[in-house]
Amino acid sequence: MTNTKQKSAPKAPTHRAFHVREGKNGGKGFWTPIGAAWAHDDGNGFNIQIDVMPLDGKIVLRTPKDGEQAG
């Protein structure tokens, strides 16, 4: 018996994950890339890979800018 199901090529991430901390005295915040996310095929969720877990601030998911890779 053979398996006729073929694996598809890995998809590129659809979003980048950033650790965002507020700047001092209301200044510009610090955005550090920490991972990536892939949208589910059915559009109802994400798989998220975080390489570093921040202890403060927040995690923000953003779509990549033109010409930028997500992962």
N, C-alpha and C. Protein backbone atom coordinates (compact mmCIF):
# COMPACT_ATOMS: atom_id res chain seq x y z
N MET A 1 0.84 -1.17 0.00
CA MET A 1 0.00 0.00 0.00
C MET A 1 0.89 1.24 0.00
N THR A 2 0.58 2.18 -0.86
CA THR A 2 1.38 3.40 -0.93
C THR A 2 0.56 4.58 -0.44
N ASN A 3 1.25 5.54 0.04
CA ASN A 3 0.62 6.77 0.51
C ASN A 3 0.62 7.76 -0.64
N THR A 4 -0.56 8.10 -1.15
CA THR A 4 -0.64 9.00 -2.30
C THR A 4 -0.69 10.47 -1.88
N LYS A 5 -0.85 10.73 -0.59
CA LYS A 5 -0.88 12.11 -0.12
C LYS A 5 0.53 12.69 -0.14
N GLN A 6 0.70 13.82 -0.83
CA GLN A 6 2.01 14.45 -0.92
C GLN A 6 2.08 15.63 0.02
N LYS A 7 3.24 15.81 0.58
CA LYS A 7 3.46 16.97 1.44
C LYS A 7 3.64 18.20 0.56
N SER A 8 2.99 19.28 0.94
CA SER A 8 3.20 20.53 0.21
C SER A 8 4.43 21.24 0.77
N ALA A 9 4.97 22.12 -0.03
CA ALA A 9 6.14 22.88 0.41
C ALA A 9 5.75 23.74 1.61
N PRO A 10 6.66 23.94 2.56
CA PRO A 10 6.35 24.78 3.72
C PRO A 10 5.96 26.19 3.27
N LYS A 11 4.94 26.72 3.92
CA LYS A 11 4.49 28.08 3.60
C LYS A 11 5.32 29.10 4.39
N ALA A 12 5.50 30.24 3.77
CA ALA A 12 6.18 31.33 4.47
C ALA A 12 5.24 31.89 5.53
N PRO A 13 5.77 32.39 6.63
CA PRO A 13 4.92 32.99 7.66
C PRO A 13 4.14 34.18 7.09
N THR A 14 2.93 34.37 7.58
CA THR A 14 2.10 35.49 7.13
C THR A 14 2.26 36.72 8.02
N HIS A 15 2.83 36.55 9.22
CA HIS A 15 3.00 37.65 10.16
C HIS A 15 4.34 37.53 10.88
N ARG A 16 4.84 38.66 11.37
CA ARG A 16 6.02 38.67 12.23
C ARG A 16 5.57 38.99 13.64
N ALA A 17 6.26 38.42 14.61
CA ALA A 17 5.96 38.69 16.02
C ALA A 17 7.05 39.60 16.58
N PHE A 18 6.63 40.63 17.30
CA PHE A 18 7.56 41.59 17.90
C PHE A 18 7.27 41.74 19.39
N HIS A 19 8.32 41.95 20.17
CA HIS A 19 8.20 42.37 21.56
C HIS A 19 8.27 43.88 21.53
N VAL A 20 7.25 44.54 22.07
CA VAL A 20 7.19 46.01 22.03
C VAL A 20 7.22 46.54 23.45
N ARG A 21 8.19 47.42 23.71
CA ARG A 21 8.31 48.11 25.00
C ARG A 21 8.15 49.60 24.77
N GLU A 22 7.50 50.25 25.70
CA GLU A 22 7.31 51.70 25.62
C GLU A 22 8.65 52.42 25.79
N GLY A 23 8.79 53.54 25.09
CA GLY A 23 9.99 54.36 25.25
C GLY A 23 9.91 55.18 26.52
N LYS A 24 11.05 55.68 26.96
CA LYS A 24 11.09 56.50 28.17
C LYS A 24 10.40 57.83 27.93
N ASN A 25 9.68 58.29 28.94
CA ASN A 25 8.98 59.59 28.90
C ASN A 25 8.09 59.72 27.67
N GLY A 26 7.43 58.63 27.30
CA GLY A 26 6.50 58.68 26.17
C GLY A 26 7.18 58.70 24.81
N GLY A 27 8.47 58.42 24.78
CA GLY A 27 9.20 58.41 23.51
C GLY A 27 8.85 57.21 22.67
N LYS A 28 9.51 57.11 21.53
CA LYS A 28 9.25 56.03 20.59
C LYS A 28 9.54 54.68 21.26
N GLY A 29 8.68 53.69 21.02
CA GLY A 29 8.83 52.37 21.61
C GLY A 29 9.93 51.57 20.93
N PHE A 30 10.29 50.47 21.55
CA PHE A 30 11.32 49.57 21.03
C PHE A 30 10.64 48.31 20.51
N TRP A 31 10.85 47.99 19.24
CA TRP A 31 10.26 46.83 18.59
C TRP A 31 11.37 45.82 18.30
N THR A 32 11.30 44.65 18.92
CA THR A 32 12.31 43.60 18.74
C THR A 32 11.64 42.38 18.11
N PRO A 33 12.11 41.92 16.92
CA PRO A 33 11.52 40.72 16.32
C PRO A 33 11.79 39.50 17.19
N ILE A 34 10.74 38.71 17.48
CA ILE A 34 10.91 37.54 18.35
C ILE A 34 10.31 36.27 17.77
N GLY A 35 9.68 36.33 16.60
CA GLY A 35 9.09 35.11 16.04
C GLY A 35 8.25 35.40 14.82
N ALA A 36 7.40 34.41 14.48
CA ALA A 36 6.57 34.50 13.29
C ALA A 36 5.26 33.76 13.52
N ALA A 37 4.30 34.01 12.62
CA ALA A 37 3.00 33.33 12.71
C ALA A 37 2.54 32.95 11.31
N TRP A 38 1.80 31.84 11.24
CA TRP A 38 1.25 31.33 9.99
C TRP A 38 -0.25 31.25 10.14
N ALA A 39 -0.99 31.83 9.21
CA ALA A 39 -2.45 31.74 9.24
C ALA A 39 -2.88 30.33 8.86
N HIS A 40 -3.92 29.82 9.52
CA HIS A 40 -4.47 28.52 9.19
C HIS A 40 -5.12 28.59 7.81
N ASP A 41 -5.14 27.48 7.10
CA ASP A 41 -5.73 27.44 5.76
C ASP A 41 -7.19 27.86 5.76
N ASP A 42 -7.92 27.57 6.85
CA ASP A 42 -9.34 27.92 6.89
C ASP A 42 -9.57 29.37 7.34
N GLY A 43 -8.49 30.10 7.67
CA GLY A 43 -8.61 31.50 8.06
C GLY A 43 -9.11 31.72 9.48
N ASN A 44 -9.20 30.66 10.28
CA ASN A 44 -9.76 30.78 11.63
C ASN A 44 -8.74 30.66 12.74
N GLY A 45 -7.50 31.05 12.50
CA GLY A 45 -6.51 30.99 13.57
C GLY A 45 -5.10 31.08 13.03
N PHE A 46 -4.12 30.94 13.94
CA PHE A 46 -2.71 31.06 13.61
C PHE A 46 -1.90 30.01 14.35
N ASN A 47 -0.81 29.59 13.76
CA ASN A 47 0.26 28.89 14.48
C ASN A 47 1.32 29.94 14.73
N ILE A 48 1.77 30.04 15.98
CA ILE A 48 2.74 31.07 16.35
C ILE A 48 4.00 30.42 16.89
N GLN A 49 5.14 30.83 16.35
CA GLN A 49 6.44 30.36 16.85
C GLN A 49 7.15 31.55 17.48
N ILE A 50 7.38 31.47 18.78
CA ILE A 50 8.07 32.52 19.52
C ILE A 50 9.45 32.01 19.89
N ASP A 51 10.49 32.71 19.47
CA ASP A 51 11.86 32.31 19.76
C ASP A 51 12.34 32.81 21.11
N VAL A 52 11.75 33.91 21.60
CA VAL A 52 12.12 34.50 22.89
C VAL A 52 10.83 34.97 23.55
N MET A 53 10.64 34.66 24.82
CA MET A 53 9.43 35.08 25.52
C MET A 53 9.75 36.32 26.36
N PRO A 54 9.13 37.46 26.04
CA PRO A 54 9.41 38.68 26.80
C PRO A 54 8.82 38.62 28.21
N LEU A 55 9.47 39.29 29.14
CA LEU A 55 9.00 39.37 30.53
C LEU A 55 8.18 40.62 30.78
N ASP A 56 8.28 41.59 29.89
CA ASP A 56 7.53 42.83 30.04
C ASP A 56 7.04 43.28 28.66
N GLY A 57 6.31 44.35 28.62
CA GLY A 57 5.83 44.87 27.35
C GLY A 57 4.72 44.01 26.80
N LYS A 58 4.62 43.95 25.47
CA LYS A 58 3.56 43.19 24.83
C LYS A 58 4.08 42.52 23.57
N ILE A 59 3.34 41.53 23.07
CA ILE A 59 3.68 40.88 21.81
C ILE A 59 2.71 41.40 20.75
N VAL A 60 3.25 41.83 19.62
CA VAL A 60 2.45 42.37 18.53
C VAL A 60 2.70 41.53 17.28
N LEU A 61 1.63 41.11 16.58
CA LEU A 61 1.75 40.42 15.31
C LEU A 61 1.45 41.42 14.19
N ARG A 62 2.34 41.48 13.21
CA ARG A 62 2.16 42.41 12.09
C ARG A 62 2.43 41.68 10.78
N THR A 63 1.72 42.08 9.73
CA THR A 63 2.04 41.56 8.42
C THR A 63 3.35 42.20 7.97
N PRO A 64 4.16 41.46 7.20
CA PRO A 64 5.44 42.03 6.74
C PRO A 64 5.21 43.22 5.80
N LYS A 65 6.11 44.17 5.83
CA LYS A 65 6.07 45.29 4.89
C LYS A 65 6.50 44.77 3.52
N ASP A 66 6.17 45.51 2.48
CA ASP A 66 6.56 45.12 1.12
C ASP A 66 8.06 44.85 1.04
N GLY A 67 8.42 43.71 0.46
CA GLY A 67 9.82 43.35 0.29
C GLY A 67 10.46 42.75 1.53
N GLU A 68 9.72 42.62 2.61
CA GLU A 68 10.24 42.08 3.87
C GLU A 68 9.71 40.67 4.06
N GLN A 69 10.55 39.76 4.54
CA GLN A 69 10.10 38.41 4.83
C GLN A 69 9.54 38.32 6.22
N ALA A 70 8.58 37.45 6.43
CA ALA A 70 7.94 37.34 7.73
C ALA A 70 8.74 36.51 8.73
N GLY A 71 9.56 35.61 8.25
CA GLY A 71 10.23 34.74 9.21
C GLY A 71 11.70 34.76 9.15
